[in-house]
C-alpha atoms as a PDB file:
ATOM      1  CA  MET A   1       0.000   0.000   0.000  1.00  0.00           C
ATOM      2  CA  ARG A   2       1.437   3.360  -0.993  1.00  0.00           C
ATOM      3  CA  GLU A   3       1.730   6.139   1.518  1.00  0.00           C
ATOM      4  CA  ARG A   4      -0.235   9.306   0.958  1.00  0.00           C
ATOM      5  CA  GLU A   5       1.195  12.658   1.887  1.00  0.00           C
ATOM      6  CA  PRO A   6      -0.450  13.960   5.058  1.00  0.00           C
ATOM      7  CA  GLU A   7      -2.969  16.685   4.425  1.00  0.00           C
ATOM      8  CA  SER A   8      -2.022  20.081   5.741  1.00  0.00           C
ATOM      9  CA  ARG A   9      -4.131  20.881   8.771  1.00  0.00           C
ATOM     10  CA  TRP A  10      -6.309  23.905   8.379  1.00  0.00           C
ATOM     11  CA  PRO A  11      -7.234  25.669  11.619  1.00  0.00           C
ATOM     12  CA  CYS A  12     -10.831  24.977  12.599  1.00  0.00           C
ATOM     13  CA  LYS A  13     -11.145  28.183  14.560  1.00  0.00           C
ATOM     14  CA  ALA A  14     -12.445  31.108  12.542  1.00  0.00           C
ATOM     15  CA  HIS A  15     -10.534  34.370  12.657  1.00  0.00           C
ATOM     16  CA  PRO A  16     -12.868  37.356  13.199  1.00  0.00           C
ATOM     17  CA  PHE A  17     -13.052  39.769  10.305  1.00  0.00           C
ATOM     18  CA  SER A  18     -11.813  43.312  10.897  1.00  0.00           C
ATOM     19  CA  LEU A  19     -11.809  46.420   8.733  1.00  0.00           C
ATOM     20  CA  SER A  20     -10.455  49.919   9.176  1.00  0.00           C
ATOM     21  CA  ALA A  21     -10.710  52.565   6.478  1.00  0.00           C
ATOM     22  CA  HIS A  22      -9.489  56.127   6.103  1.00  0.00           C
ATOM     23  CA  GLN A  23      -9.074  58.581   3.258  1.00  0.00           C
ATOM     24  CA  GLN A  24      -6.302  61.145   3.097  1.00  0.00           C
ATOM     25  CA  ASP A  25      -4.337  63.001   0.418  1.00  0.00           C
ATOM     26  CA  GLY A  26      -6.109  61.232  -2.435  1.00  0.00           C
ATOM     27  CA  LEU A  27      -5.638  57.740  -1.002  1.00  0.00           C
ATOM     28  CA  PHE A  28      -8.379  55.495   0.351  1.00  0.00           C
ATOM     29  CA  TYR A  29      -6.771  52.920   2.609  1.00  0.00           C
ATOM     30  CA  LEU A  30      -8.573  49.706   3.607  1.00  0.00           C
ATOM     31  CA  ARG A  31      -6.804  47.561   6.184  1.00  0.00           C
ATOM     32  CA  ILE A  32      -8.466  44.140   6.348  1.00  0.00           C
ATOM     33  CA  GLY A  33      -7.794  41.368   8.866  1.00  0.00           C
ATOM     34  CA  GLY A  34      -9.094  37.915   9.736  1.00  0.00           C
ATOM     35  CA  ASP A  35     -11.258  35.838   7.404  1.00  0.00           C
ATOM     36  CA  PHE A  36     -12.117  37.923   4.328  1.00  0.00           C
ATOM     37  CA  GLU A  37     -14.807  35.833   2.663  1.00  0.00           C
ATOM     38  CA  ARG A  38     -18.377  35.726   1.420  1.00  0.00           C
ATOM     39  CA  THR A  39     -20.027  36.682   4.713  1.00  0.00           C
ATOM     40  CA  SER A  40     -17.790  39.722   5.259  1.00  0.00           C
ATOM     41  CA  VAL A  41     -17.449  41.263   1.796  1.00  0.00           C
ATOM     42  CA  GLY A  42     -20.539  43.420   2.429  1.00  0.00           C
ATOM     43  CA  HIS A  43     -18.568  45.498   4.952  1.00  0.00           C
ATOM     44  CA  VAL A  44     -15.917  46.257   2.334  1.00  0.00           C
ATOM     45  CA  GLN A  45     -18.535  47.039  -0.292  1.00  0.00           C
ATOM     46  CA  SER A  46     -20.212  49.486   2.100  1.00  0.00           C
ATOM     47  CA  ALA A  47     -16.899  51.242   2.719  1.00  0.00           C
ATOM     48  CA  LEU A  48     -16.276  51.511  -1.018  1.00  0.00           C
ATOM     49  CA  ALA A  49     -19.777  52.907  -1.581  1.00  0.00           C
ATOM     50  CA  ASP A  50     -18.797  55.975   0.471  1.00  0.00           C
ATOM     51  CA  LEU A  51     -16.227  56.927  -2.184  1.00  0.00           C
ATOM     52  CA  ARG A  52     -18.876  58.310  -4.523  1.00  0.00           C
ATOM     53  CA  SER A  53     -18.907  61.657  -2.716  1.00  0.00           C
ATOM     54  CA  GLU A  54     -15.135  62.121  -2.959  1.00  0.00           C
ATOM     55  CA  PRO A  55     -13.365  59.797  -5.431  1.00  0.00           C
ATOM     56  CA  PRO A  56      -9.714  59.112  -4.497  1.00  0.00           C
ATOM     57  CA  ARG A  57      -6.699  58.815  -6.766  1.00  0.00           C
ATOM     58  CA  ARG A  58      -5.952  55.349  -5.405  1.00  0.00           C
ATOM     59  CA  VAL A  59      -7.611  52.640  -3.313  1.00  0.00           C
ATOM     60  CA  VAL A  60      -5.241  50.443  -1.304  1.00  0.00           C
ATOM     61  CA  PHE A  61      -6.358  47.028  -0.017  1.00  0.00           C
ATOM     62  CA  ASP A  62      -3.929  46.125   2.773  1.00  0.00           C
ATOM     63  CA  LEU A  63      -4.359  42.365   3.205  1.00  0.00           C
ATOM     64  CA  ARG A  64      -1.334  41.670   5.427  1.00  0.00           C
ATOM     65  CA  GLY A  65      -3.601  40.680   8.317  1.00  0.00           C
ATOM     66  CA  VAL A  66      -5.885  38.389   6.291  1.00  0.00           C
ATOM     67  CA  THR A  67      -5.932  34.768   7.476  1.00  0.00           C
ATOM     68  CA  PHE A  68      -8.326  33.377   4.859  1.00  0.00           C
ATOM     69  CA  LEU A  69      -9.493  34.731   1.525  1.00  0.00           C
ATOM     70  CA  ASP A  70     -11.998  33.247  -0.906  1.00  0.00           C
ATOM     71  CA  SER A  71     -13.232  33.927  -4.421  1.00  0.00           C
ATOM     72  CA  ALA A  72     -15.966  36.307  -3.187  1.00  0.00           C
ATOM     73  CA  ALA A  73     -13.258  38.502  -1.644  1.00  0.00           C
ATOM     74  CA  LEU A  74     -11.239  38.414  -4.870  1.00  0.00           C
ATOM     75  CA  THR A  75     -14.340  39.374  -6.826  1.00  0.00           C
ATOM     76  CA  THR A  76     -14.930  42.358  -4.512  1.00  0.00           C
ATOM     77  CA  ILE A  77     -11.386  43.600  -5.104  1.00  0.00           C
ATOM     78  CA  LEU A  78     -11.690  43.049  -8.848  1.00  0.00           C
ATOM     79  CA  ARG A  79     -14.970  44.977  -9.012  1.00  0.00           C
ATOM     80  CA  ALA A  80     -13.277  47.874  -7.236  1.00  0.00           C
ATOM     81  CA  HIS A  81     -10.555  47.719  -9.893  1.00  0.00           C
ATOM     82  CA  ARG A  82     -13.116  47.789 -12.709  1.00  0.00           C
ATOM     83  CA  ARG A  83     -14.899  50.682 -11.063  1.00  0.00           C
ATOM     84  CA  GLY A  84     -11.588  52.516 -10.798  1.00  0.00           C
ATOM     85  CA  LEU A  85     -11.035  52.144 -14.533  1.00  0.00           C
ATOM     86  CA  SER A  86     -14.320  53.928 -15.196  1.00  0.00           C
ATOM     87  CA  GLU A  87     -14.060  56.534 -12.425  1.00  0.00           C
ATOM     88  CA  GLY A  88     -10.357  57.353 -12.705  1.00  0.00           C
ATOM     89  CA  PHE A  89      -8.666  55.808  -9.675  1.00  0.00           C
ATOM     90  CA  ASP A  90      -6.104  53.017  -9.235  1.00  0.00           C
ATOM     91  CA  VAL A  91      -6.475  49.918  -7.083  1.00  0.00           C
ATOM     92  CA  VAL A  92      -3.437  48.427  -5.359  1.00  0.00           C
ATOM     93  CA  VAL A  93      -3.340  45.262  -3.242  1.00  0.00           C
ATOM     94  CA  VAL A  94      -0.818  44.732  -0.459  1.00  0.00           C
ATOM     95  CA  ARG A  95      -0.111  41.017  -0.608  1.00  0.00           C
ATOM     96  CA  PRO A  96      -1.618  38.802   2.133  1.00  0.00           C
ATOM     97  CA  PRO A  97       0.353  36.023   3.906  1.00  0.00           C
ATOM     98  CA  SER A  98       1.365  33.115   1.708  1.00  0.00           C
ATOM     99  CA  ARG A  99      -1.507  30.709   2.545  1.00  0.00           C
ATOM    100  CA  ALA A 100      -4.206  33.351   2.181  1.00  0.00           C
ATOM    101  CA  GLY A 101      -2.507  34.715  -0.931  1.00  0.00           C
ATOM    102  CA  ARG A 102      -2.347  31.513  -2.948  1.00  0.00           C
ATOM    103  CA  LEU A 103      -5.569  32.362  -4.749  1.00  0.00           C
ATOM    104  CA  PHE A 104      -3.812  35.309  -6.364  1.00  0.00           C
ATOM    105  CA  SER A 105      -1.283  32.876  -7.854  1.00  0.00           C
ATOM    106  CA  LEU A 106      -3.809  30.203  -8.793  1.00  0.00           C
ATOM    107  CA  SER A 107      -6.408  32.435 -10.453  1.00  0.00           C
ATOM    108  CA  ARG A 108      -6.204  34.910 -13.315  1.00  0.00           C
ATOM    109  CA  VAL A 109      -7.171  37.781 -11.009  1.00  0.00           C
ATOM    110  CA  ARG A 110      -3.517  38.717 -10.464  1.00  0.00           C
ATOM    111  CA  LYS A 111      -3.229  39.619 -14.156  1.00  0.00           C
ATOM    112  CA  HIS A 112      -5.730  42.438 -13.631  1.00  0.00           C
ATOM    113  CA  LEU A 113      -4.345  43.871 -10.395  1.00  0.00           C
ATOM    114  CA  THR A 114      -1.287  45.677  -9.118  1.00  0.00           C
ATOM    115  CA  ILE A 115       0.054  43.667  -6.178  1.00  0.00           C
ATOM    116  CA  VAL A 116       2.803  44.919  -3.871  1.00  0.00           C
ATOM    117  CA  ASN A 117       4.554  43.543  -0.828  1.00  0.00           C
ATOM    118  CA  HIS A 118       4.323  46.544   1.509  1.00  0.00           C
ATOM    119  CA  PRO A 119       2.024  49.592   1.900  1.00  0.00           C
ATOM    120  CA  ARG A 120       4.897  51.979   1.163  1.00  0.00           C
ATOM    121  CA  GLU A 121       5.081  50.518  -2.362  1.00  0.00           C
ATOM    122  CA  ALA A 122       1.427  51.443  -2.879  1.00  0.00           C
ATOM    123  CA  VAL A 123       2.263  55.166  -2.707  1.00  0.00           C
ATOM    124  CA  ALA A 124       5.837  55.051  -4.011  1.00  0.00           C
ATOM    125  CA  ASP A 125       5.123  56.368  -7.495  1.00  0.00           C
ATOM    126  CA  GLU A 126       3.339  59.397  -6.089  1.00  0.00           C
ATOM    127  CA  GLN A 127       6.555  60.152  -4.222  1.00  0.00           C
ATOM    128  CA  GLY A 128       8.734  59.724  -7.290  1.00  0.00           C
ATOM    129  CA  GLY A 129       9.858  56.137  -6.634  1.00  0.00           C
ATOM    130  CA  PRO A 130       9.146  52.748  -8.201  1.00  0.00           C
ATOM    131  CA  PHE A 131       5.612  51.408  -8.068  1.00  0.00           C
ATOM    132  CA  GLY A 132       4.686  47.778  -7.574  1.00  0.00           C
ATOM    133  CA  SER A 133       6.680  44.634  -7.071  1.00  0.00           C
ATOM    134  CA  GLN A 134       7.655  42.273  -9.853  1.00  0.00           C
ATOM    135  CA  ALA A 135       8.666  39.456  -7.494  1.00  0.00           C
ATOM    136  CA  ARG A 136       5.947  36.861  -7.019  1.00  0.00           C
ATOM    137  CA  PRO A 137       6.394  33.847  -4.739  1.00  0.00           C
ATOM    138  CA  ALA A 138       5.860  30.476  -6.344  1.00  0.00           C
ATOM    139  CA  ALA A 139       2.494  28.903  -5.677  1.00  0.00           C
ATOM    140  CA  ALA A 140       2.403  25.694  -3.644  1.00  0.00           C
ATOM    141  CA  ILE A 141       0.256  24.198  -6.384  1.00  0.00           C
ATOM    142  CA  GLU A 142      -0.726  25.609  -9.752  1.00  0.00           C
ATOM    143  CA  PHE A 143      -2.388  24.872 -13.067  1.00  0.00           C
ATOM    144  CA  ARG A 144      -0.228  24.330 -16.131  1.00  0.00           C
ATOM    145  CA  ARG A 145      -1.344  23.713 -19.687  1.00  0.00           C
ATOM    146  CA  LEU A 146       0.694  20.874 -21.138  1.00  0.00           C
ATOM    147  CA  ALA A 147       0.421  18.924 -24.362  1.00  0.00           C
ATOM    148  CA  PHE A 148      -0.572  15.308 -23.731  1.00  0.00           C
ATOM    149  CA  GLU A 149       2.838  14.082 -24.867  1.00  0.00           C
ATOM    150  CA  ASP A 150       4.436  16.244 -22.156  1.00  0.00           C
ATOM    151  CA  VAL A 151       2.291  14.960 -19.285  1.00  0.00           C
ATOM    152  CA  SER A 152       4.289  12.834 -16.849  1.00  0.00           C
ATOM    153  CA  THR A 153       3.520  10.385 -14.044  1.00  0.00           C
ATOM    154  CA  CYS A 154       2.204  11.687 -10.723  1.00  0.00           C
ATOM    155  CA  VAL A 155       5.049  12.307  -8.283  1.00  0.00           C
ATOM    156  CA  ARG A 156       2.891  11.191  -5.326  1.00  0.00           C
ATOM    157  CA  CYS A 157       1.534   7.822  -6.398  1.00  0.00           C
ATOM    158  CA  ARG A 158       4.119   7.136  -9.141  1.00  0.00           C
ATOM    159  CA  SER A 159       1.456   5.442 -11.257  1.00  0.00           C
ATOM    160  CA  ASN A 160      -1.288   7.711 -12.629  1.00  0.00           C
ATOM    161  CA  LEU A 161      -0.799  10.325 -15.300  1.00  0.00           C
ATOM    162  CA  ALA A 162      -0.993  13.809 -13.793  1.00  0.00           C
ATOM    163  CA  VAL A 163      -3.951  15.090 -15.786  1.00  0.00           C
ATOM    164  CA  TRP A 164      -6.771  17.176 -14.333  1.00  0.00           C
ATOM    165  CA  ASP A 165      -9.883  17.118 -16.483  1.00  0.00           C
ATOM    166  CA  ALA A 166     -10.993  20.756 -16.307  1.00  0.00           C
ATOM    167  CA  GLY A 167     -12.056  21.280 -19.880  1.00  0.00           C
ATOM    168  CA  GLN A 168     -15.334  22.754 -18.663  1.00  0.00           C
ATOM    169  CA  VAL A 169     -13.375  25.716 -17.297  1.00  0.00           C
ATOM    170  CA  PHE A 170     -10.269  25.923 -19.442  1.00  0.00           C
ATOM    171  CA  ASP A 171      -9.950  25.603 -23.179  1.00  0.00           C
ATOM    172  CA  VAL A 172      -7.471  22.702 -23.007  1.00  0.00           C
ATOM    173  CA  PRO A 173      -6.734  19.883 -20.549  1.00  0.00           C
ATOM    174  CA  ILE A 174      -4.396  20.966 -17.779  1.00  0.00           C
ATOM    175  CA  THR A 175      -1.960  19.455 -15.297  1.00  0.00           C
ATOM    176  CA  LEU A 176      -1.750  20.128 -11.578  1.00  0.00           C
ATOM    177  CA  VAL A 177       1.812  20.854 -10.526  1.00  0.00           C
ATOM    178  CA  SER A 178       3.107  20.997  -6.959  1.00  0.00           C
ATOM    179  CA  ARG A 179       6.589  22.129  -5.985  1.00  0.00           C
ATOM    180  CA  ALA A 180       7.659  18.479  -6.110  1.00  0.00           C
ATOM    181  CA  GLY A 181       6.204  17.958  -9.587  1.00  0.00           C
ATOM    182  CA  PRO A 182       2.926  17.063 -11.339  1.00  0.00           C
ATOM    183  CA  ILE A 183       0.174  15.286  -9.383  1.00  0.00           C
ATOM    184  CA  CYS A 184      -2.902  13.343 -10.436  1.00  0.00           C
ATOM    185  CA  ARG A 185      -6.513  13.947  -9.454  1.00  0.00           C
ATOM    186  CA  GLY A 186      -6.496  10.996  -7.044  1.00  0.00           C
ATOM    187  CA  CYS A 187      -3.613  12.382  -5.003  1.00  0.00           C
ATOM    188  CA  ILE A 188      -4.849  15.923  -4.461  1.00  0.00           C
ATOM    189  CA  THR A 189      -5.701  16.620  -0.808  1.00  0.00           C
ATOM    190  CA  THR A 190      -8.957  18.156   0.414  1.00  0.00           C
ATOM    191  CA  ALA A 191      -7.168  21.400   1.287  1.00  0.00           C
ATOM    192  CA  GLU A 192      -5.712  21.569  -2.224  1.00  0.00           C
ATOM    193  CA  GLN A 193      -9.122  20.815  -3.747  1.00  0.00           C
ATOM    194  CA  ILE A 194     -10.569  23.781  -1.860  1.00  0.00           C
ATOM    195  CA  GLU A 195      -7.759  26.069  -3.018  1.00  0.00           C
ATOM    196  CA  LEU A 196      -8.126  25.013  -6.624  1.00  0.00           C
ATOM    197  CA  GLY A 197     -11.917  25.194  -6.463  1.00  0.00           C
ATOM    198  CA  GLU A 198     -11.718  28.785  -5.197  1.00  0.00           C
ATOM    199  CA  ALA A 199      -9.330  29.615  -8.033  1.00  0.00           C
ATOM    200  CA  ILE A 200     -11.641  28.089 -10.649  1.00  0.00           C
ATOM    201  CA  LEU A 201     -14.587  29.957  -9.117  1.00  0.00           C
ATOM    202  CA  ALA A 202     -12.674  33.238  -9.293  1.00  0.00           C
ATOM    203  CA  ASN A 203     -11.882  32.540 -12.952  1.00  0.00           C
ATOM    204  CA  LEU A 204     -15.534  31.777 -13.681  1.00  0.00           C
ATOM    205  CA  ARG A 205     -16.537  35.105 -12.164  1.00  0.00           C
ATOM    206  CA  LEU A 206     -14.107  36.827 -14.521  1.00  0.00           C
ATOM    207  CA  GLY A 207     -16.000  35.443 -17.486  1.00  0.00           C
ATOM    208  CA  GLN A 208     -18.196  37.694 -19.582  1.00  0.00           C
ATOM    209  CA  PRO A 209     -20.997  36.760 -19.664  1.00  0.00           C
ATOM    210  CA  GLN A 210     -20.909  34.879 -16.379  1.00  0.00           C
ATOM    211  CA  ASP A 211     -22.288  31.342 -16.233  1.00  0.00           C
ATOM    212  CA  GLU A 212     -24.464  31.726 -13.125  1.00  0.00           C
ATOM    213  CA  ALA A 213     -25.510  28.049 -13.042  1.00  0.00           C
ATOM    214  CA  LYS A 214     -21.905  26.862 -13.107  1.00  0.00           C
ATOM    215  CA  ILE A 215     -20.913  29.420 -10.461  1.00  0.00           C
ATOM    216  CA  ARG A 216     -23.690  28.215  -8.134  1.00  0.00           C
ATOM    217  CA  ALA A 217     -22.641  24.599  -8.688  1.00  0.00           C
ATOM    218  CA  PHE A 218     -19.037  25.419  -7.747  1.00  0.00           C
ATOM    219  CA  GLU A 219     -20.173  27.354  -4.680  1.00  0.00           C
ATOM    220  CA  GLU A 220     -22.216  24.374  -3.478  1.00  0.00           C
ATOM    221  CA  ALA A 221     -19.366  21.937  -4.135  1.00  0.00           C
ATOM    222  CA  LEU A 222     -16.930  24.145  -2.232  1.00  0.00           C
ATOM    223  CA  ALA A 223     -19.307  24.427   0.712  1.00  0.00           C
ATOM    224  CA  GLU A 224     -19.458  20.625   0.902  1.00  0.00           C
ATOM    225  CA  LEU A 225     -15.659  20.386   0.751  1.00  0.00           C
ATOM    226  CA  ARG A 226     -15.239  22.931   3.535  1.00  0.00           C
ATOM    227  CA  ASP A 227     -17.766  21.045   5.681  1.00  0.00           C
ATOM    228  CA  SER A 228     -15.918  17.774   5.123  1.00  0.00           C
ATOM    229  CA  LYS A 229     -12.626  19.465   6.006  1.00  0.00           C
ATOM    230  CA  ARG A 230     -14.016  20.793   9.281  1.00  0.00           C
ATOM    231  CA  ALA A 231     -15.354  17.325  10.126  1.00  0.00           C
ATOM    232  CA  ASP A 232     -11.899  15.716   9.755  1.00  0.00           C
END
């Protein structure tokens, strides 16, 4: 019997959401902490709604204190970005800790946003310095599009081909790749399934027009996965 890699333990205890916001010198600064997810995005949306009376030059999402982030939170940030394009302000994201920030690496959202490592980088260009950070940490697990002839054996079970059938989301079959190498669908852990599901959901919400039925199906599947994870 082959040994399976132990699943990373996710904390069962929820981290209370927190939000502080202030506007000064053309900047609107949102410092977010705790679990930034579907049940808390309304607080951020309410804070952003107040901008209509005095639009800023830049909105900064400081996510350094975020312990968990889901696709609903990413969608909220992305909508602020799209609004900024139409109303004339920038959106900058201060990168969250590595676990909470994996969704930025897994999903296509990062291609639409300016992501920095520290709040001082978010205002650097206004002070005559460089803006943004080009360095991006490698994701623990990521999607890669590979031709079938390039797909190799799973590094975990050493038997199955490392192919993830996600043609319903992507235009070609893809491979899941961990830092150790490609992995098959049977060897992905529950925690990794949740991460990848959130990334796929974020990508679906980027689609125009959005497939509402598919989005609801993914939301329900993710809720079941989270429940099973908590029960472990």
